[in-house]
Amino acid sequence: MRQAALAVMLALLPAAAQAQVESNPNLGKAEGQCRPNEAGPAVIVTIVGLKDRKGNMRAELYPDNDKDFLEDDNILINAGKTFRRVEMPVPPAGAVQLCIRVPGPGQYTLSLLHDRDMNRKFGLSSDGVGFPNNPKLGLSKPKAAAVRFAAGPGLTDISIRLNYRRGLFSFGPLDRPAN
């Protein structure tokens, strides 16, 4: 019973962060990382609800459809589809923000991972996940429509609240986050 429940819970996790370390962790990174004084199009993600100040944050940008949302980065890049990744250490204090470039104005989806142990994969019992629009997470990944956001021609601000494992069968925001 527990194994089946944990297997179902794994379905909500970003595919690129779920099971294995990526074969090339820099795929999509060159296009994703904002440059100094970036004017856009890019998204400034403000991250709230951190469990602690350990580890790295990783944001991944995807096309706005269910088929491509959380698809393997190698598949998206080889098909010429949108994929961007930005990774950064969690700062020891202050606001936690990252900037991810987008190909142009339009609709996108995005996943956010708080990789607390910096092992480059999702740890069910320790890491946090979040998405634009902060949907309630169940036992499956959210639909693309629930995490869709619009990026403009300049800098677009969004805020994402992280969710961590709460009990055996659910994920949610912390009652008392570190930030």
C-alpha atoms as a PDB file:
ATOM      1  CA  MET A   1       0.000   0.000   0.000  1.00  0.00           C
ATOM      2  CA  ARG A   2       2.725   2.478   0.965  1.00  0.00           C
ATOM      3  CA  GLN A   3       4.769   1.691  -2.141  1.00  0.00           C
ATOM      4  CA  ALA A   4       1.744   2.272  -4.354  1.00  0.00           C
ATOM      5  CA  ALA A   5       0.976   5.571  -2.617  1.00  0.00           C
ATOM      6  CA  LEU A   6       4.565   6.765  -2.975  1.00  0.00           C
ATOM      7  CA  ALA A   7       4.595   5.777  -6.651  1.00  0.00           C
ATOM      8  CA  VAL A   8       1.470   7.847  -7.237  1.00  0.00           C
ATOM      9  CA  MET A   9       2.997  10.812  -5.389  1.00  0.00           C
ATOM     10  CA  LEU A  10       6.048  10.694  -7.636  1.00  0.00           C
ATOM     11  CA  ALA A  11       3.792  11.489 -10.591  1.00  0.00           C
ATOM     12  CA  LEU A  12       3.435  15.087  -9.416  1.00  0.00           C
ATOM     13  CA  LEU A  13       7.153  15.739  -9.565  1.00  0.00           C
ATOM     14  CA  PRO A  14       8.913  17.420 -12.467  1.00  0.00           C
ATOM     15  CA  ALA A  15      10.154  14.700 -14.800  1.00  0.00           C
ATOM     16  CA  ALA A  16      13.580  16.262 -15.160  1.00  0.00           C
ATOM     17  CA  ALA A  17      14.032  16.355 -11.365  1.00  0.00           C
ATOM     18  CA  GLN A  18      12.266  13.140 -10.455  1.00  0.00           C
ATOM     19  CA  ALA A  19      14.354  10.046 -10.889  1.00  0.00           C
ATOM     20  CA  GLN A  20      17.802  10.592 -12.309  1.00  0.00           C
ATOM     21  CA  VAL A  21      20.524  13.161 -12.526  1.00  0.00           C
ATOM     22  CA  GLU A  22      20.434  14.771 -15.959  1.00  0.00           C
ATOM     23  CA  SER A  23      23.013  13.503 -18.405  1.00  0.00           C
ATOM     24  CA  ASN A  24      23.913  17.104 -19.237  1.00  0.00           C
ATOM     25  CA  PRO A  25      22.958  19.521 -16.467  1.00  0.00           C
ATOM     26  CA  ASN A  26      23.755  22.532 -18.661  1.00  0.00           C
ATOM     27  CA  LEU A  27      21.117  21.780 -21.323  1.00  0.00           C
ATOM     28  CA  GLY A  28      18.997  24.874 -21.704  1.00  0.00           C
ATOM     29  CA  LYS A  29      21.077  26.813 -19.169  1.00  0.00           C
ATOM     30  CA  ALA A  30      22.847  29.126 -21.627  1.00  0.00           C
ATOM     31  CA  GLU A  31      19.486  30.293 -22.974  1.00  0.00           C
ATOM     32  CA  GLY A  32      17.925  30.414 -19.519  1.00  0.00           C
ATOM     33  CA  GLN A  33      20.339  32.443 -17.443  1.00  0.00           C
ATOM     34  CA  CYS A  34      19.596  36.163 -17.427  1.00  0.00           C
ATOM     35  CA  ARG A  35      22.417  38.465 -18.348  1.00  0.00           C
ATOM     36  CA  PRO A  36      23.524  41.472 -16.275  1.00  0.00           C
ATOM     37  CA  ASN A  37      20.973  44.289 -16.620  1.00  0.00           C
ATOM     38  CA  GLU A  38      18.601  41.963 -18.507  1.00  0.00           C
ATOM     39  CA  ALA A  39      15.792  43.979 -20.086  1.00  0.00           C
ATOM     40  CA  GLY A  40      13.739  41.004 -21.188  1.00  0.00           C
ATOM     41  CA  PRO A  41      11.933  39.148 -22.232  1.00  0.00           C
ATOM     42  CA  ALA A  42      12.536  37.415 -18.925  1.00  0.00           C
ATOM     43  CA  VAL A  43      10.721  36.365 -15.770  1.00  0.00           C
ATOM     44  CA  ILE A  44      11.760  37.403 -12.266  1.00  0.00           C
ATOM     45  CA  VAL A  45      10.597  34.631  -9.917  1.00  0.00           C
ATOM     46  CA  THR A  46      10.219  35.578  -6.260  1.00  0.00           C
ATOM     47  CA  ILE A  47      10.349  32.431  -4.145  1.00  0.00           C
ATOM     48  CA  VAL A  48       8.445  32.313  -0.863  1.00  0.00           C
ATOM     49  CA  GLY A  49       7.818  29.656   1.752  1.00  0.00           C
ATOM     50  CA  LEU A  50      11.339  28.228   1.986  1.00  0.00           C
ATOM     51  CA  LYS A  51      11.838  25.464   4.532  1.00  0.00           C
ATOM     52  CA  ASP A  52      15.395  26.657   5.162  1.00  0.00           C
ATOM     53  CA  ARG A  53      18.338  28.339   3.456  1.00  0.00           C
ATOM     54  CA  LYS A  54      20.092  25.145   2.369  1.00  0.00           C
ATOM     55  CA  GLY A  55      20.793  23.919  -1.142  1.00  0.00           C
ATOM     56  CA  ASN A  56      19.944  25.217  -4.600  1.00  0.00           C
ATOM     57  CA  MET A  57      16.911  26.565  -6.426  1.00  0.00           C
ATOM     58  CA  ARG A  58      16.184  25.312  -9.933  1.00  0.00           C
ATOM     59  CA  ALA A  59      13.604  26.792 -12.273  1.00  0.00           C
ATOM     60  CA  GLU A  60      12.664  25.137 -15.565  1.00  0.00           C
ATOM     61  CA  LEU A  61      10.603  26.789 -18.292  1.00  0.00           C
ATOM     62  CA  TYR A  62       8.353  24.713 -20.567  1.00  0.00           C
ATOM     63  CA  PRO A  63       5.873  25.210 -23.409  1.00  0.00           C
ATOM     64  CA  ASP A  64       2.272  25.913 -22.438  1.00  0.00           C
ATOM     65  CA  ASN A  65       0.634  22.526 -23.045  1.00  0.00           C
ATOM     66  CA  ASP A  66       0.116  19.314 -21.080  1.00  0.00           C
ATOM     67  CA  LYS A  67       2.186  17.162 -23.435  1.00  0.00           C
ATOM     68  CA  ASP A  68       5.349  19.264 -23.073  1.00  0.00           C
ATOM     69  CA  PHE A  69       4.911  20.491 -19.478  1.00  0.00           C
ATOM     70  CA  LEU A  70       7.510  18.642 -17.337  1.00  0.00           C
ATOM     71  CA  GLU A  71       8.730  16.649 -20.375  1.00  0.00           C
ATOM     72  CA  ASP A  72      12.348  15.499 -20.418  1.00  0.00           C
ATOM     73  CA  ASP A  73      14.676  18.355 -21.346  1.00  0.00           C
ATOM     74  CA  ASN A  74      16.534  16.290 -23.966  1.00  0.00           C
ATOM     75  CA  ILE A  75      13.285  15.518 -25.806  1.00  0.00           C
ATOM     76  CA  LEU A  76      12.185  19.171 -25.819  1.00  0.00           C
ATOM     77  CA  ILE A  77      15.536  20.531 -26.968  1.00  0.00           C
ATOM     78  CA  ASN A  78      15.931  17.898 -29.698  1.00  0.00           C
ATOM     79  CA  ALA A  79      12.429  18.774 -30.963  1.00  0.00           C
ATOM     80  CA  GLY A  80      13.302  22.487 -31.026  1.00  0.00           C
ATOM     81  CA  LYS A  81      10.761  23.292 -28.307  1.00  0.00           C
ATOM     82  CA  THR A  82      11.093  25.785 -25.491  1.00  0.00           C
ATOM     83  CA  PHE A  83      13.139  24.663 -22.521  1.00  0.00           C
ATOM     84  CA  ARG A  84      15.178  26.820 -20.173  1.00  0.00           C
ATOM     85  CA  ARG A  85      16.842  26.047 -16.839  1.00  0.00           C
ATOM     86  CA  VAL A  86      18.344  28.294 -14.188  1.00  0.00           C
ATOM     87  CA  GLU A  87      20.048  27.074 -11.032  1.00  0.00           C
ATOM     88  CA  MET A  88      21.364  29.125  -8.140  1.00  0.00           C
ATOM     89  CA  PRO A  89      22.373  28.606  -4.528  1.00  0.00           C
ATOM     90  CA  VAL A  90      19.802  29.708  -1.958  1.00  0.00           C
ATOM     91  CA  PRO A  91      21.119  32.991  -0.547  1.00  0.00           C
ATOM     92  CA  PRO A  92      21.857  32.976   3.197  1.00  0.00           C
ATOM     93  CA  ALA A  93      19.538  35.949   3.830  1.00  0.00           C
ATOM     94  CA  GLY A  94      17.181  38.345   2.101  1.00  0.00           C
ATOM     95  CA  ALA A  95      14.705  37.918  -0.715  1.00  0.00           C
ATOM     96  CA  VAL A  96      15.085  34.842  -2.884  1.00  0.00           C
ATOM     97  CA  GLN A  97      14.678  35.687  -6.560  1.00  0.00           C
ATOM     98  CA  LEU A  98      15.915  34.239  -9.789  1.00  0.00           C
ATOM     99  CA  CYS A  99      15.684  35.412 -13.362  1.00  0.00           C
ATOM    100  CA  ILE A 100      14.932  33.117 -16.296  1.00  0.00           C
ATOM    101  CA  ARG A 101      14.908  34.266 -19.900  1.00  0.00           C
ATOM    102  CA  VAL A 102      11.992  33.411 -22.174  1.00  0.00           C
ATOM    103  CA  PRO A 103      12.130  33.142 -25.983  1.00  0.00           C
ATOM    104  CA  GLY A 104       9.621  35.985 -26.379  1.00  0.00           C
ATOM    105  CA  PRO A 105       6.350  37.319 -25.036  1.00  0.00           C
ATOM    106  CA  GLY A 106       3.746  34.589 -24.643  1.00  0.00           C
ATOM    107  CA  GLN A 107       2.284  31.855 -22.481  1.00  0.00           C
ATOM    108  CA  TYR A 108       4.583  29.416 -20.650  1.00  0.00           C
ATOM    109  CA  THR A 109       4.673  26.932 -17.786  1.00  0.00           C
ATOM    110  CA  LEU A 110       7.391  26.654 -15.175  1.00  0.00           C
ATOM    111  CA  SER A 111       8.485  24.353 -12.350  1.00  0.00           C
ATOM    112  CA  LEU A 112      10.557  25.296  -9.324  1.00  0.00           C
ATOM    113  CA  LEU A 113      12.615  22.885  -7.203  1.00  0.00           C
ATOM    114  CA  HIS A 114      14.245  23.561  -3.823  1.00  0.00           C
ATOM    115  CA  ASP A 115      17.016  20.961  -4.020  1.00  0.00           C
ATOM    116  CA  ARG A 116      18.020  21.039  -0.355  1.00  0.00           C
ATOM    117  CA  ASP A 117      20.727  18.352  -0.567  1.00  0.00           C
ATOM    118  CA  MET A 118      22.027  19.576  -3.956  1.00  0.00           C
ATOM    119  CA  ASN A 119      21.949  16.097  -5.484  1.00  0.00           C
ATOM    120  CA  ARG A 120      20.224  17.383  -8.664  1.00  0.00           C
ATOM    121  CA  LYS A 121      17.146  15.187  -8.226  1.00  0.00           C
ATOM    122  CA  PHE A 122      13.918  15.464  -6.277  1.00  0.00           C
ATOM    123  CA  GLY A 123      13.994  14.008  -2.775  1.00  0.00           C
ATOM    124  CA  LEU A 124      10.443  13.125  -1.780  1.00  0.00           C
ATOM    125  CA  SER A 125      11.011  13.554   1.937  1.00  0.00           C
ATOM    126  CA  SER A 126      13.161  16.683   1.873  1.00  0.00           C
ATOM    127  CA  ASP A 127      12.874  18.868  -1.235  1.00  0.00           C
ATOM    128  CA  GLY A 128      10.251  21.461  -2.112  1.00  0.00           C
ATOM    129  CA  VAL A 129       8.395  22.109  -5.371  1.00  0.00           C
ATOM    130  CA  GLY A 130       6.348  25.009  -6.659  1.00  0.00           C
ATOM    131  CA  PHE A 131       4.578  26.308  -9.739  1.00  0.00           C
ATOM    132  CA  PRO A 132       3.185  29.634 -10.980  1.00  0.00           C
ATOM    133  CA  ASN A 133      -0.299  30.456  -9.660  1.00  0.00           C
ATOM    134  CA  ASN A 134       0.478  28.261  -6.627  1.00  0.00           C
ATOM    135  CA  PRO A 135      -2.007  25.470  -7.394  1.00  0.00           C
ATOM    136  CA  LYS A 136      -3.009  23.033  -4.679  1.00  0.00           C
ATOM    137  CA  LEU A 137      -0.914  19.926  -5.288  1.00  0.00           C
ATOM    138  CA  GLY A 138      -2.542  16.534  -5.243  1.00  0.00           C
ATOM    139  CA  LEU A 139      -1.226  13.127  -6.154  1.00  0.00           C
ATOM    140  CA  SER A 140      -0.535  14.006  -9.781  1.00  0.00           C
ATOM    141  CA  LYS A 141       1.284  16.770 -11.595  1.00  0.00           C
ATOM    142  CA  PRO A 142      -0.760  19.927 -12.133  1.00  0.00           C
ATOM    143  CA  LYS A 143      -2.277  20.602 -15.540  1.00  0.00           C
ATOM    144  CA  ALA A 144      -0.481  23.132 -17.719  1.00  0.00           C
ATOM    145  CA  ALA A 145      -3.525  25.433 -17.594  1.00  0.00           C
ATOM    146  CA  ALA A 146      -3.229  25.615 -13.788  1.00  0.00           C
ATOM    147  CA  VAL A 147       0.388  26.825 -13.909  1.00  0.00           C
ATOM    148  CA  ARG A 148       0.259  28.934 -17.076  1.00  0.00           C
ATOM    149  CA  PHE A 149       1.595  32.466 -16.910  1.00  0.00           C
ATOM    150  CA  ALA A 150       2.005  35.248 -19.438  1.00  0.00           C
ATOM    151  CA  ALA A 151       5.441  36.736 -20.065  1.00  0.00           C
ATOM    152  CA  GLY A 152       5.597  40.200 -21.552  1.00  0.00           C
ATOM    153  CA  PRO A 153       8.270  41.810 -23.755  1.00  0.00           C
ATOM    154  CA  GLY A 154      10.213  43.132 -20.734  1.00  0.00           C
ATOM    155  CA  LEU A 155      10.652  41.751 -17.246  1.00  0.00           C
ATOM    156  CA  THR A 156       7.639  39.878 -15.865  1.00  0.00           C
ATOM    157  CA  ASP A 157       7.346  39.354 -12.098  1.00  0.00           C
ATOM    158  CA  ILE A 158       5.769  36.211 -10.644  1.00  0.00           C
ATOM    159  CA  SER A 159       5.758  34.768  -7.133  1.00  0.00           C
ATOM    160  CA  ILE A 160       5.890  31.054  -6.331  1.00  0.00           C
ATOM    161  CA  ARG A 161       5.188  29.495  -2.928  1.00  0.00           C
ATOM    162  CA  LEU A 162       7.089  26.277  -2.287  1.00  0.00           C
ATOM    163  CA  ASN A 163       5.373  23.070  -1.185  1.00  0.00           C
ATOM    164  CA  TYR A 164       6.979  20.358   0.906  1.00  0.00           C
ATOM    165  CA  ARG A 165       5.864  16.908   1.939  1.00  0.00           C
ATOM    166  CA  ARG A 166       3.263  17.116   4.696  1.00  0.00           C
ATOM    167  CA  GLY A 167       2.493  13.721   6.100  1.00  0.00           C
ATOM    168  CA  LEU A 168       2.484  10.565   4.048  1.00  0.00           C
ATOM    169  CA  PHE A 169       0.133  11.519   1.211  1.00  0.00           C
ATOM    170  CA  SER A 170       0.245  15.239   0.571  1.00  0.00           C
ATOM    171  CA  PHE A 171       2.312  18.283  -0.313  1.00  0.00           C
ATOM    172  CA  GLY A 172       1.615  21.819   0.762  1.00  0.00           C
ATOM    173  CA  PRO A 173       3.077  25.104   1.943  1.00  0.00           C
ATOM    174  CA  LEU A 174       4.709  25.174   5.358  1.00  0.00           C
ATOM    175  CA  ASP A 175       2.862  26.652   8.333  1.00  0.00           C
ATOM    176  CA  ARG A 176       5.989  28.501   9.430  1.00  0.00           C
ATOM    177  CA  PRO A 177       8.361  29.023   6.487  1.00  0.00           C
ATOM    178  CA  ALA A 178      11.901  30.343   6.910  1.00  0.00           C
ATOM    179  CA  ASN A 179      11.143  33.376   4.676  1.00  0.00           C
END
